[in-house]
C-alpha atoms as a PDB file:
ATOM      1  CA  MET A   1     -15.240   0.519 -33.309  1.00  0.00           C
ATOM      2  CA  THR A   2     -12.276  -1.594 -32.157  1.00  0.00           C
ATOM      3  CA  ASP A   3     -10.026   1.550 -31.248  1.00  0.00           C
ATOM      4  CA  LEU A   4     -12.545   2.728 -28.701  1.00  0.00           C
ATOM      5  CA  PRO A   5     -11.795   2.097 -25.247  1.00  0.00           C
ATOM      6  CA  SER A   6     -14.439  -0.152 -23.297  1.00  0.00           C
ATOM      7  CA  ALA A   7     -15.433   2.891 -21.132  1.00  0.00           C
ATOM      8  CA  SER A   8     -19.020   1.363 -20.681  1.00  0.00           C
ATOM      9  CA  SER A   9     -17.604  -1.826 -18.873  1.00  0.00           C
ATOM     10  CA  SER A  10     -14.682  -0.461 -17.145  1.00  0.00           C
ATOM     11  CA  GLY A  11     -16.059   2.850 -15.934  1.00  0.00           C
ATOM     12  CA  SER A  12     -13.468   5.429 -16.727  1.00  0.00           C
ATOM     13  CA  VAL A  13     -10.116   4.918 -18.296  1.00  0.00           C
ATOM     14  CA  PRO A  14      -7.975   6.844 -15.671  1.00  0.00           C
ATOM     15  CA  THR A  15      -9.328   4.323 -13.132  1.00  0.00           C
ATOM     16  CA  THR A  16      -6.841   1.619 -14.611  1.00  0.00           C
ATOM     17  CA  SER A  17      -3.742   3.998 -14.525  1.00  0.00           C
ATOM     18  CA  TRP A  18      -4.055   5.288 -10.933  1.00  0.00           C
ATOM     19  CA  LYS A  19      -5.265   2.111  -9.241  1.00  0.00           C
ATOM     20  CA  PRO A  20      -1.796   0.698  -8.913  1.00  0.00           C
ATOM     21  CA  ILE A  21      -0.376   3.823  -7.347  1.00  0.00           C
ATOM     22  CA  ILE A  22      -3.358   3.746  -4.736  1.00  0.00           C
ATOM     23  CA  ILE A  23      -2.404   0.072  -4.152  1.00  0.00           C
ATOM     24  CA  VAL A  24       1.276   1.024  -3.673  1.00  0.00           C
ATOM     25  CA  LEU A  25       0.377   3.942  -1.298  1.00  0.00           C
ATOM     26  CA  THR A  26      -1.917   1.834   0.700  1.00  0.00           C
ATOM     27  CA  VAL A  27       0.895  -0.851   1.106  1.00  0.00           C
ATOM     28  CA  LEU A  28       3.642   1.902   2.054  1.00  0.00           C
ATOM     29  CA  VAL A  29       1.124   3.245   4.384  1.00  0.00           C
ATOM     30  CA  VAL A  30       0.493  -0.061   6.198  1.00  0.00           C
ATOM     31  CA  VAL A  31       4.158  -0.734   6.485  1.00  0.00           C
ATOM     32  CA  VAL A  32       4.904   2.496   8.017  1.00  0.00           C
ATOM     33  CA  CYS A  33       2.247   1.936  10.629  1.00  0.00           C
ATOM     34  CA  VAL A  34       3.414  -1.586  11.435  1.00  0.00           C
ATOM     35  CA  ALA A  35       7.019  -0.241  11.547  1.00  0.00           C
ATOM     36  CA  ALA A  36       5.953   2.616  13.820  1.00  0.00           C
ATOM     37  CA  VAL A  37       3.991   0.192  16.223  1.00  0.00           C
ATOM     38  CA  GLY A  38       6.424  -2.721  16.040  1.00  0.00           C
ATOM     39  CA  ILE A  39       9.758  -0.959  16.192  1.00  0.00           C
ATOM     40  CA  PRO A  40       9.375   0.227  20.092  1.00  0.00           C
ATOM     41  CA  PHE A  41       8.406  -3.434  21.043  1.00  0.00           C
ATOM     42  CA  LEU A  42      11.356  -4.811  19.113  1.00  0.00           C
ATOM     43  CA  VAL A  43      13.757  -2.422  20.706  1.00  0.00           C
ATOM     44  CA  ALA A  44      12.238  -3.290  24.203  1.00  0.00           C
ATOM     45  CA  TYR A  45      12.416  -6.782  23.408  1.00  0.00           C
ATOM     46  CA  LEU A  46      16.275  -6.690  22.412  1.00  0.00           C
ATOM     47  CA  ASN A  47      17.007  -4.422  25.246  1.00  0.00           C
ATOM     48  CA  SER A  48      15.509  -7.057  27.662  1.00  0.00           C
ATOM     49  CA  ALA A  49      17.030 -10.047  25.996  1.00  0.00           C
ATOM     50  CA  SER A  50      20.453  -8.362  26.254  1.00  0.00           C
ATOM     51  CA  GLU A  51      20.265  -7.778  30.013  1.00  0.00           C
END
């Protein structure tokens, strides 16, 4: 009984293995989106500040 995974409480075993991957991918997508939105503003700010 001790060698059996607690599937009843955790749902499915693969859930614990691919969940960190989903979190990492979500963080990467958020970072890419923030960079895509923020870089043009940053470039415009640097261009206006250098003038």
